[in-house]
Protein backbone atom coordinates (compact mmCIF):
# COMPACT_ATOMS: atom_id res chain seq x y z
CA MET A 1 -0.01 0.00 0.04
CA GLU A 2 1.34 3.35 -0.79
CA ARG A 3 0.05 6.66 0.59
CA THR A 4 0.59 10.24 -0.44
CA VAL A 5 0.20 13.22 1.94
CA ASN A 6 0.79 16.69 0.62
CA MET A 7 1.32 19.42 2.96
CA LEU A 8 1.56 23.20 2.92
CA PRO A 9 2.89 25.76 5.46
CA SER A 10 -0.45 26.00 7.21
CA SER A 11 -1.11 22.32 7.47
CA ASN A 12 -1.15 20.50 10.63
CA VAL A 13 1.92 18.41 11.05
CA TYR A 14 0.09 16.24 13.65
CA LEU A 15 -1.65 14.42 10.66
CA LEU A 16 1.47 12.37 10.05
CA HIS A 17 0.21 9.59 12.41
CA LEU A 18 -0.39 6.41 10.27
CA GLN A 19 -2.72 3.64 11.75
CA CYS A 20 -1.22 0.39 12.40
CA SER A 21 -1.91 -2.22 9.60
CA GLY A 22 -1.55 -5.05 12.06
CA GLY A 23 -5.22 -5.45 12.17
CA ARG A 24 -5.45 -6.54 15.70
CA CYS A 25 -3.05 -3.74 16.87
CA ILE A 26 -4.25 -1.78 20.08
CA ASN A 27 -3.60 1.81 20.05
CA GLY A 28 -0.57 1.38 17.84
CA GLY A 29 0.50 3.26 14.62
CA PHE A 30 3.42 5.05 13.10
CA ASP A 31 4.32 8.71 13.89
CA LEU A 32 6.16 10.25 10.87
CA THR A 33 6.32 13.93 12.63
CA PRO A 34 9.94 13.55 13.92
CA SER A 35 11.22 12.14 10.63
CA VAL A 36 9.66 15.29 8.83
CA GLU A 37 10.79 17.66 11.56
CA GLU A 38 14.19 16.27 11.22
CA LEU A 39 14.14 16.64 7.56
CA VAL A 40 12.98 20.25 7.63
CA ARG A 41 15.65 20.93 10.42
CA ASN A 42 18.14 20.10 8.36
CA HIS A 43 16.89 21.54 5.17
CA LYS A 44 16.72 18.30 3.65
CA LYS A 45 14.32 17.55 0.63
CA SER A 46 13.86 13.86 1.04
CA GLY A 47 14.45 11.02 3.28
CA LYS A 48 13.38 7.34 3.71
CA GLY A 49 13.25 4.70 6.36
CA LYS A 50 11.68 1.92 8.33
CA MET A 51 9.44 2.06 11.34
CA VAL A 52 7.97 -0.99 13.52
CA CYS A 53 4.91 -0.51 15.44
CA LYS A 54 5.63 0.07 19.14
CA GLU A 55 2.64 -1.23 20.48
CA LYS A 56 1.44 -4.91 20.83
CA ASP A 57 -1.46 -6.73 19.31
CA GLU A 58 -4.30 -8.32 21.30
CA SER A 59 -2.12 -11.42 21.64
CA GLY A 60 0.57 -9.58 23.33
CA ALA A 61 3.15 -9.58 20.42
CA SER A 62 5.23 -6.93 19.55
CA ASN A 63 7.03 -6.26 16.06
CA HIS A 64 3.72 -7.40 14.58
CA ALA A 65 3.60 -4.55 11.75
CA SER A 66 6.39 -2.36 10.04
CA ILE A 67 6.34 0.23 7.37
CA SER A 68 8.94 1.35 5.06
CA TYR A 69 8.46 5.06 3.99
CA GLY A 70 9.79 7.77 1.83
CA ILE A 71 9.39 11.48 2.27
CA SER A 72 9.77 14.30 -0.26
CA ILE A 73 9.43 17.93 0.61
CA GLN A 74 9.08 20.98 -1.70
CA TYR A 75 10.23 24.18 0.00
CA LEU A 76 8.26 27.36 -1.25
CA HIS A 77 10.70 30.18 -1.79
């Protein structure tokens, strides 16, 4: 699955939390906010990485879901 999120300078950066795809995960998900903040702070145009859901599913298993992500930023001049 691929998801594209377009943001403007007026956008709410807290919308960068993606729900866990683990199906039976409880309160999990992936917060891309720190990744975007780091790219902006360092004036980078793109970045990529992997994240593992930090929560557990209802059976108590951790590491039940992960994502690979890519971020592209266009700065307005």
